[in-house]
Amino acid sequence: MVTIESKEKDNSALSKARIELALFKKKSEAEFERDKKKWINRRRMAWMSLFSIVLLTVYMFHFMDPERIEALKGTTEWIYTLFTTVVLGYLGMATYQDIKGN
């Protein structure tokens, strides 16, 4: 036999479950938006690094003296290494996320 108290308990449990589900959905949407913004910023950083590599190369070969290029050899190697690491890091993490399925 179902009593009024048992119906009230069922309703309160159901409403708690609905509230928890709504909070979970809001949290999931917020996490999705945060992750989306992170990936947009990472992509921008990778593109800027790639463009910087191209611009530095064009500048060095068209506007700098060969003696000056030789003097800046160590510095440009570090710059190329840094920018290449950023681009490859983005590509690697994007591939990993695709494989992982997130």
Protein backbone atom coordinates (compact mmCIF):
# COMPACT_ATOMS: atom_id res chain seq x y z
CA MET A 1 0.00 0.00 0.00
CA VAL A 2 1.34 3.41 -0.96
CA THR A 3 1.00 6.09 1.63
CA ILE A 4 1.13 9.85 1.28
CA GLU A 5 4.49 9.95 3.09
CA SER A 6 6.10 7.51 0.67
CA LYS A 7 4.83 9.57 -2.29
CA GLU A 8 6.31 12.73 -0.75
CA LYS A 9 9.65 10.95 -0.21
CA ASP A 10 9.64 9.77 -3.82
CA ASN A 11 8.83 13.28 -5.05
CA SER A 12 11.55 14.86 -2.94
CA ALA A 13 14.10 12.29 -4.15
CA LEU A 14 13.00 12.91 -7.73
CA SER A 15 13.29 16.68 -7.35
CA LYS A 16 16.77 16.30 -5.81
CA ALA A 17 17.80 14.16 -8.76
CA ARG A 18 16.44 16.76 -11.18
CA ILE A 19 18.34 19.55 -9.40
CA GLU A 20 21.55 17.54 -9.47
CA LEU A 21 21.07 16.80 -13.18
CA ALA A 22 20.50 20.49 -13.93
CA LEU A 23 23.65 21.45 -12.01
CA PHE A 24 25.62 18.78 -13.85
CA LYS A 25 24.40 20.07 -17.22
CA LYS A 26 25.35 23.65 -16.32
CA LYS A 27 28.76 22.50 -15.16
CA SER A 28 29.27 20.48 -18.33
CA GLU A 29 28.30 23.43 -20.52
CA ALA A 30 30.66 25.72 -18.61
CA GLU A 31 33.49 23.20 -18.92
CA PHE A 32 32.79 22.83 -22.63
CA GLU A 33 32.97 26.59 -23.18
CA ARG A 34 36.17 26.83 -21.13
CA ASP A 35 37.79 24.03 -23.13
CA LYS A 36 36.65 25.62 -26.39
CA LYS A 37 38.27 28.94 -25.42
CA LYS A 38 41.47 27.16 -24.39
CA TRP A 39 41.75 25.44 -27.75
CA ILE A 40 41.05 28.68 -29.62
CA ASN A 41 43.87 30.39 -27.74
CA ARG A 42 46.22 27.46 -28.31
CA ARG A 43 45.43 27.51 -32.02
CA ARG A 44 46.11 31.25 -32.19
CA MET A 45 49.42 30.80 -30.42
CA ALA A 46 50.44 28.03 -32.84
CA TRP A 47 49.50 30.12 -35.89
CA MET A 48 51.37 33.15 -34.56
CA SER A 49 54.45 31.01 -33.97
CA LEU A 50 54.25 29.59 -37.48
CA PHE A 51 53.87 33.05 -39.02
CA SER A 52 56.76 34.31 -36.90
CA ILE A 53 59.01 31.56 -38.25
CA VAL A 54 58.08 32.47 -41.82
CA LEU A 55 58.47 36.22 -41.26
CA LEU A 56 61.83 35.82 -39.53
CA THR A 57 63.10 33.66 -42.37
CA VAL A 58 61.93 36.10 -45.04
CA TYR A 59 63.39 39.04 -43.14
CA MET A 60 66.73 37.32 -42.64
CA PHE A 61 67.18 36.29 -46.26
CA HIS A 62 65.96 39.49 -47.87
CA PHE A 63 66.87 42.32 -45.52
CA MET A 64 69.88 41.26 -43.42
CA ASP A 65 73.55 41.11 -44.29
CA PRO A 66 75.12 37.64 -44.24
CA GLU A 67 77.60 38.79 -41.56
CA ARG A 68 74.76 39.89 -39.30
CA ILE A 69 72.96 36.57 -39.85
CA GLU A 70 76.13 34.72 -38.82
CA ALA A 71 76.42 36.90 -35.70
CA LEU A 72 72.81 36.16 -34.71
CA LYS A 73 73.03 32.44 -35.51
CA GLY A 74 72.70 31.27 -31.89
CA THR A 75 69.79 33.58 -31.14
CA THR A 76 67.85 32.64 -34.25
CA GLU A 77 68.35 28.94 -33.53
CA TRP A 78 66.71 29.43 -30.12
CA ILE A 79 63.86 31.41 -31.65
CA TYR A 80 63.23 28.75 -34.30
CA THR A 81 63.38 26.02 -31.65
CA LEU A 82 60.92 27.83 -29.39
CA PHE A 83 58.39 28.57 -32.13
CA THR A 84 58.67 25.08 -33.60
CA THR A 85 58.08 23.58 -30.15
CA VAL A 86 54.90 25.62 -29.75
CA VAL A 87 53.57 24.53 -33.16
CA LEU A 88 54.44 20.86 -32.66
CA GLY A 89 53.05 20.90 -29.13
CA TYR A 90 49.72 22.19 -30.41
CA LEU A 91 49.61 19.63 -33.21
CA GLY A 92 50.51 16.80 -30.84
CA MET A 93 47.92 17.74 -28.23
CA ALA A 94 45.21 18.29 -30.86
CA THR A 95 45.95 14.84 -32.30
CA TYR A 96 45.92 13.30 -28.84
CA GLN A 97 42.53 14.89 -28.07
CA ASP A 98 41.13 13.58 -31.38
CA ILE A 99 42.37 10.06 -30.64
CA LYS A 100 41.18 10.21 -27.02
CA GLY A 101 37.74 11.22 -28.27
CA ASN A 102 37.18 14.41 -26.28
